[in-house]
C-alpha atoms as a PDB file:
ATOM      1  CA  UNK A   1      40.418 -43.064 -69.129  1.00  0.00           C
ATOM      2  CA  UNK A   2      41.335 -44.874 -65.889  1.00  0.00           C
ATOM      3  CA  UNK A   3      38.780 -44.883 -63.116  1.00  0.00           C
ATOM      4  CA  UNK A   4      39.098 -41.869 -60.787  1.00  0.00           C
ATOM      5  CA  UNK A   5      41.254 -39.800 -63.098  1.00  0.00           C
ATOM      6  CA  UNK A   6      40.077 -36.426 -64.301  1.00  0.00           C
ATOM      7  CA  UNK A   7      40.869 -34.923 -67.660  1.00  0.00           C
ATOM      8  CA  UNK A   8      43.396 -32.114 -67.303  1.00  0.00           C
ATOM      9  CA  UNK A   9      41.760 -28.732 -67.472  1.00  0.00           C
ATOM     10  CA  UNK A  10      43.348 -26.268 -69.778  1.00  0.00           C
ATOM     11  CA  UNK A  11      44.653 -23.197 -67.969  1.00  0.00           C
ATOM     12  CA  UNK A  12      42.795 -20.225 -69.421  1.00  0.00           C
ATOM     13  CA  UNK A  13      44.232 -16.721 -69.447  1.00  0.00           C
ATOM     14  CA  UNK A  14      41.593 -15.706 -66.891  1.00  0.00           C
ATOM     15  CA  UNK A  15      42.515 -18.473 -64.465  1.00  0.00           C
ATOM     16  CA  UNK A  16      46.206 -17.795 -65.045  1.00  0.00           C
ATOM     17  CA  UNK A  17      45.539 -14.160 -64.320  1.00  0.00           C
ATOM     18  CA  UNK A  18      44.084 -14.890 -60.895  1.00  0.00           C
ATOM     19  CA  UNK A  19      46.403 -17.759 -59.952  1.00  0.00           C
ATOM     20  CA  UNK A  20      49.827 -16.540 -61.017  1.00  0.00           C
ATOM     21  CA  UNK A  21      49.748 -12.748 -60.712  1.00  0.00           C
ATOM     22  CA  UNK A  22      50.572 -11.086 -57.431  1.00  0.00           C
ATOM     23  CA  UNK A  23      48.332  -8.210 -56.246  1.00  0.00           C
ATOM     24  CA  UNK A  24      50.585  -5.547 -57.741  1.00  0.00           C
ATOM     25  CA  UNK A  25      50.609  -7.271 -61.120  1.00  0.00           C
ATOM     26  CA  UNK A  26      46.816  -7.683 -61.032  1.00  0.00           C
ATOM     27  CA  UNK A  27      46.456  -3.984 -60.233  1.00  0.00           C
ATOM     28  CA  UNK A  28      48.795  -3.000 -63.073  1.00  0.00           C
ATOM     29  CA  UNK A  29      46.842  -5.155 -65.522  1.00  0.00           C
ATOM     30  CA  UNK A  30      43.450  -3.777 -64.414  1.00  0.00           C
ATOM     31  CA  UNK A  31      44.813  -0.211 -64.412  1.00  0.00           C
ATOM     32  CA  UNK A  32      45.969  -0.563 -68.005  1.00  0.00           C
ATOM     33  CA  UNK A  33      42.710  -2.223 -69.064  1.00  0.00           C
ATOM     34  CA  UNK A  34      40.660   0.554 -67.488  1.00  0.00           C
ATOM     35  CA  UNK A  35      42.784   3.199 -69.173  1.00  0.00           C
ATOM     36  CA  UNK A  36      42.441   1.451 -72.564  1.00  0.00           C
ATOM     37  CA  UNK A  37      38.663   1.173 -72.161  1.00  0.00           C
ATOM     38  CA  UNK A  38      38.434   4.893 -71.408  1.00  0.00           C
ATOM     39  CA  UNK A  39      40.619   5.778 -74.398  1.00  0.00           C
ATOM     40  CA  UNK A  40      38.501   3.609 -76.727  1.00  0.00           C
ATOM     41  CA  UNK A  41      35.353   5.434 -75.572  1.00  0.00           C
ATOM     42  CA  UNK A  42      36.879   8.933 -75.489  1.00  0.00           C
ATOM     43  CA  UNK A  43      36.206   9.262 -71.748  1.00  0.00           C
ATOM     44  CA  UNK A  44      39.641  10.665 -70.952  1.00  0.00           C
ATOM     45  CA  UNK A  45      41.995   9.730 -68.139  1.00  0.00           C
ATOM     46  CA  UNK A  46      39.979   7.744 -65.565  1.00  0.00           C
ATOM     47  CA  UNK A  47      42.557   8.542 -62.901  1.00  0.00           C
ATOM     48  CA  UNK A  48      42.402  12.317 -63.221  1.00  0.00           C
ATOM     49  CA  UNK A  49      40.591  13.845 -60.246  1.00  0.00           C
ATOM     50  CA  UNK A  50      37.287  11.996 -59.735  1.00  0.00           C
ATOM     51  CA  UNK A  51      36.890  11.112 -63.413  1.00  0.00           C
ATOM     52  CA  UNK A  52      36.587   7.389 -62.689  1.00  0.00           C
ATOM     53  CA  UNK A  53      33.639   8.073 -60.403  1.00  0.00           C
ATOM     54  CA  UNK A  54      32.037  10.323 -63.017  1.00  0.00           C
ATOM     55  CA  UNK A  55      32.305   7.514 -65.574  1.00  0.00           C
ATOM     56  CA  UNK A  56      30.997   4.997 -63.023  1.00  0.00           C
ATOM     57  CA  UNK A  57      28.051   7.181 -61.963  1.00  0.00           C
ATOM     58  CA  UNK A  58      27.089   8.023 -65.538  1.00  0.00           C
ATOM     59  CA  UNK A  59      26.858   4.308 -66.324  1.00  0.00           C
ATOM     60  CA  UNK A  60      24.899   3.618 -63.141  1.00  0.00           C
ATOM     61  CA  UNK A  61      22.421   6.446 -63.766  1.00  0.00           C
ATOM     62  CA  UNK A  62      22.100   5.872 -67.513  1.00  0.00           C
ATOM     63  CA  UNK A  63      23.783   9.167 -68.350  1.00  0.00           C
ATOM     64  CA  UNK A  64      26.336   9.902 -71.079  1.00  0.00           C
ATOM     65  CA  UNK A  65      29.866  10.716 -69.925  1.00  0.00           C
ATOM     66  CA  UNK A  66      31.032  14.226 -70.809  1.00  0.00           C
ATOM     67  CA  UNK A  67      33.758  14.464 -73.429  1.00  0.00           C
ATOM     68  CA  UNK A  68      36.106  16.645 -71.407  1.00  0.00           C
ATOM     69  CA  UNK A  69      37.016  17.555 -67.851  1.00  0.00           C
ATOM     70  CA  UNK A  70      35.735  21.112 -67.720  1.00  0.00           C
ATOM     71  CA  UNK A  71      32.053  21.859 -67.551  1.00  0.00           C
ATOM     72  CA  UNK A  72      29.451  19.144 -67.219  1.00  0.00           C
ATOM     73  CA  UNK A  73      30.385  15.812 -65.668  1.00  0.00           C
ATOM     74  CA  UNK A  74      27.785  13.984 -67.765  1.00  0.00           C
ATOM     75  CA  UNK A  75      24.557  14.441 -69.717  1.00  0.00           C
ATOM     76  CA  UNK A  76      21.189  13.077 -68.595  1.00  0.00           C
ATOM     77  CA  UNK A  77      18.475  11.279 -70.599  1.00  0.00           C
ATOM     78  CA  UNK A  78      17.390  14.622 -72.098  1.00  0.00           C
ATOM     79  CA  UNK A  79      20.983  15.488 -73.060  1.00  0.00           C
ATOM     80  CA  UNK A  80      21.066  18.162 -70.333  1.00  0.00           C
ATOM     81  CA  UNK A  81      24.380  18.719 -68.531  1.00  0.00           C
ATOM     82  CA  UNK A  82      24.582  17.473 -64.935  1.00  0.00           C
ATOM     83  CA  UNK A  83      26.990  17.913 -62.036  1.00  0.00           C
ATOM     84  CA  UNK A  84      28.260  15.027 -59.901  1.00  0.00           C
ATOM     85  CA  UNK A  85      29.683  15.166 -56.394  1.00  0.00           C
ATOM     86  CA  UNK A  86      30.889  12.059 -54.606  1.00  0.00           C
ATOM     87  CA  UNK A  87      32.329  11.111 -51.255  1.00  0.00           C
ATOM     88  CA  UNK A  88      33.726   8.100 -49.450  1.00  0.00           C
ATOM     89  CA  UNK A  89      32.725   9.597 -46.094  1.00  0.00           C
ATOM     90  CA  UNK A  90      30.353   7.943 -43.645  1.00  0.00           C
ATOM     91  CA  UNK A  91      27.709  10.544 -44.494  1.00  0.00           C
ATOM     92  CA  UNK A  92      26.742  12.022 -47.819  1.00  0.00           C
ATOM     93  CA  UNK A  93      28.074  15.571 -48.241  1.00  0.00           C
ATOM     94  CA  UNK A  94      28.846  17.717 -51.282  1.00  0.00           C
ATOM     95  CA  UNK A  95      31.749  20.146 -51.432  1.00  0.00           C
ATOM     96  CA  UNK A  96      31.786  23.082 -53.808  1.00  0.00           C
ATOM     97  CA  UNK A  97      35.218  24.642 -53.616  1.00  0.00           C
ATOM     98  CA  UNK A  98      37.549  26.686 -55.740  1.00  0.00           C
ATOM     99  CA  UNK A  99      34.749  29.022 -56.830  1.00  0.00           C
ATOM    100  CA  UNK A 100      36.247  32.038 -58.603  1.00  0.00           C
ATOM    101  CA  UNK A 101      35.605  35.377 -56.923  1.00  0.00           C
ATOM    102  CA  UNK A 102      33.962  38.062 -59.066  1.00  0.00           C
ATOM    103  CA  UNK A 103      34.217  41.856 -58.673  1.00  0.00           C
ATOM    104  CA  UNK A 104      30.808  42.462 -57.053  1.00  0.00           C
ATOM    105  CA  UNK A 105      28.269  40.292 -55.243  1.00  0.00           C
ATOM    106  CA  UNK A 106      25.824  40.868 -58.120  1.00  0.00           C
ATOM    107  CA  UNK A 107      28.447  39.583 -60.573  1.00  0.00           C
ATOM    108  CA  UNK A 108      29.145  36.671 -58.219  1.00  0.00           C
ATOM    109  CA  UNK A 109      25.483  35.645 -58.139  1.00  0.00           C
ATOM    110  CA  UNK A 110      25.239  35.929 -61.932  1.00  0.00           C
ATOM    111  CA  UNK A 111      28.382  33.786 -62.306  1.00  0.00           C
ATOM    112  CA  UNK A 112      26.993  31.145 -59.920  1.00  0.00           C
ATOM    113  CA  UNK A 113      23.597  31.107 -61.637  1.00  0.00           C
ATOM    114  CA  UNK A 114      24.803  31.097 -65.241  1.00  0.00           C
ATOM    115  CA  UNK A 115      28.246  29.519 -65.301  1.00  0.00           C
ATOM    116  CA  UNK A 116      29.027  27.536 -62.178  1.00  0.00           C
ATOM    117  CA  UNK A 117      25.958  26.054 -60.436  1.00  0.00           C
ATOM    118  CA  UNK A 118      22.777  27.044 -62.258  1.00  0.00           C
ATOM    119  CA  UNK A 119      23.861  25.815 -65.679  1.00  0.00           C
ATOM    120  CA  UNK A 120      23.419  22.234 -64.393  1.00  0.00           C
ATOM    121  CA  UNK A 121      19.712  21.742 -63.728  1.00  0.00           C
ATOM    122  CA  UNK A 122      20.441  18.662 -61.616  1.00  0.00           C
ATOM    123  CA  UNK A 123      23.254  17.957 -59.181  1.00  0.00           C
ATOM    124  CA  UNK A 124      23.808  14.337 -58.152  1.00  0.00           C
ATOM    125  CA  UNK A 125      25.449  13.394 -54.865  1.00  0.00           C
ATOM    126  CA  UNK A 126      26.837   9.888 -54.460  1.00  0.00           C
ATOM    127  CA  UNK A 127      28.329   8.119 -51.476  1.00  0.00           C
ATOM    128  CA  UNK A 128      30.770   5.300 -52.146  1.00  0.00           C
ATOM    129  CA  UNK A 129      31.942   2.511 -49.877  1.00  0.00           C
ATOM    130  CA  UNK A 130      34.508  -0.080 -50.936  1.00  0.00           C
ATOM    131  CA  UNK A 131      34.175   0.934 -54.579  1.00  0.00           C
ATOM    132  CA  UNK A 132      30.388   0.573 -54.643  1.00  0.00           C
ATOM    133  CA  UNK A 133      27.721   3.255 -54.683  1.00  0.00           C
ATOM    134  CA  UNK A 134      25.698   3.201 -51.478  1.00  0.00           C
ATOM    135  CA  UNK A 135      23.291   6.012 -52.294  1.00  0.00           C
ATOM    136  CA  UNK A 136      22.666   8.794 -54.802  1.00  0.00           C
ATOM    137  CA  UNK A 137      20.528  11.884 -54.256  1.00  0.00           C
ATOM    138  CA  UNK A 138      19.500  14.511 -56.799  1.00  0.00           C
ATOM    139  CA  UNK A 139      18.957  18.211 -56.091  1.00  0.00           C
ATOM    140  CA  UNK A 140      17.901  20.925 -58.505  1.00  0.00           C
ATOM    141  CA  UNK A 141      20.210  23.833 -59.233  1.00  0.00           C
ATOM    142  CA  UNK A 142      17.708  26.235 -57.638  1.00  0.00           C
ATOM    143  CA  UNK A 143      17.838  24.324 -54.363  1.00  0.00           C
ATOM    144  CA  UNK A 144      21.630  24.085 -54.490  1.00  0.00           C
ATOM    145  CA  UNK A 145      21.862  27.842 -55.068  1.00  0.00           C
ATOM    146  CA  UNK A 146      19.450  28.572 -52.210  1.00  0.00           C
ATOM    147  CA  UNK A 147      21.725  26.546 -49.912  1.00  0.00           C
ATOM    148  CA  UNK A 148      25.025  27.957 -51.207  1.00  0.00           C
ATOM    149  CA  UNK A 149      24.283  31.656 -51.628  1.00  0.00           C
ATOM    150  CA  UNK A 150      24.021  32.720 -47.953  1.00  0.00           C
ATOM    151  CA  UNK A 151      27.353  31.194 -46.798  1.00  0.00           C
ATOM    152  CA  UNK A 152      29.114  32.228 -50.007  1.00  0.00           C
ATOM    153  CA  UNK A 153      27.881  35.801 -49.571  1.00  0.00           C
ATOM    154  CA  UNK A 154      29.267  35.816 -46.046  1.00  0.00           C
ATOM    155  CA  UNK A 155      32.649  34.639 -47.363  1.00  0.00           C
ATOM    156  CA  UNK A 156      32.521  37.115 -50.241  1.00  0.00           C
ATOM    157  CA  UNK A 157      31.915  40.038 -47.894  1.00  0.00           C
ATOM    158  CA  UNK A 158      34.460  38.935 -45.297  1.00  0.00           C
ATOM    159  CA  UNK A 159      37.498  41.158 -44.718  1.00  0.00           C
ATOM    160  CA  UNK A 160      39.470  38.169 -43.497  1.00  0.00           C
ATOM    161  CA  UNK A 161      42.583  37.671 -45.625  1.00  0.00           C
ATOM    162  CA  UNK A 162      42.899  34.095 -46.857  1.00  0.00           C
ATOM    163  CA  UNK A 163      45.717  32.322 -48.666  1.00  0.00           C
ATOM    164  CA  UNK A 164      43.193  31.107 -51.223  1.00  0.00           C
ATOM    165  CA  UNK A 165      40.576  33.804 -51.890  1.00  0.00           C
ATOM    166  CA  UNK A 166      38.260  31.451 -53.792  1.00  0.00           C
ATOM    167  CA  UNK A 167      34.893  30.608 -52.257  1.00  0.00           C
ATOM    168  CA  UNK A 168      33.688  27.224 -51.090  1.00  0.00           C
ATOM    169  CA  UNK A 169      31.079  25.449 -49.027  1.00  0.00           C
ATOM    170  CA  UNK A 170      30.115  21.896 -48.101  1.00  0.00           C
ATOM    171  CA  UNK A 171      26.436  20.982 -48.231  1.00  0.00           C
ATOM    172  CA  UNK A 172      25.628  18.802 -45.239  1.00  0.00           C
ATOM    173  CA  UNK A 173      24.085  15.356 -45.183  1.00  0.00           C
ATOM    174  CA  UNK A 174      21.074  16.809 -43.376  1.00  0.00           C
ATOM    175  CA  UNK A 175      20.360  19.292 -46.183  1.00  0.00           C
ATOM    176  CA  UNK A 176      20.886  16.721 -48.939  1.00  0.00           C
ATOM    177  CA  UNK A 177      18.437  14.316 -47.276  1.00  0.00           C
ATOM    178  CA  UNK A 178      15.974  17.136 -46.544  1.00  0.00           C
ATOM    179  CA  UNK A 179      15.876  18.653 -50.033  1.00  0.00           C
ATOM    180  CA  UNK A 180      17.108  15.855 -52.270  1.00  0.00           C
ATOM    181  CA  UNK A 181      15.373  13.074 -54.101  1.00  0.00           C
ATOM    182  CA  UNK A 182      16.873   9.633 -53.595  1.00  0.00           C
ATOM    183  CA  UNK A 183      17.520   8.167 -57.044  1.00  0.00           C
ATOM    184  CA  UNK A 184      19.631   5.141 -56.140  1.00  0.00           C
ATOM    185  CA  UNK A 185      20.214   2.890 -53.158  1.00  0.00           C
ATOM    186  CA  UNK A 186      22.949   0.273 -53.413  1.00  0.00           C
END
């Protein structure tokens, strides 16, 4: 080989991928790869609601991704169902909305305790920035219920006519930090 000449490097598919593809093509390729990965692992559509974040958080926290979209978001180390909430906001908050209204307040509390909130012993709240998890806090279902019940009762008993009669409330950053346990810091 002549002095100063370099052997030609073979163009690998990975280098071709980053050199030749435009941003839209790269996105399309990654989108399809992510979808295929989720299909292979029976995780469902990663682009449905916040499913991609559920899959991401489960991997980060060592949990198992739930098989379907209704019910638990994942299962913890003890195979107990857990609830995930995530935000891209500047502060960590958790929104519980679209809560079905029951006939009486007693029925509403029972529904919240047994079917909606209380059936998940732990609720995890994650804040994302630029696709990365910044922080994750964990609250118990009992604490979540103690925070949610007073404002939900007020909504339940309100005579105000709303387009959407379902209940909802956002747990503030202050309450999450006050009552939660920090389980991850990015």
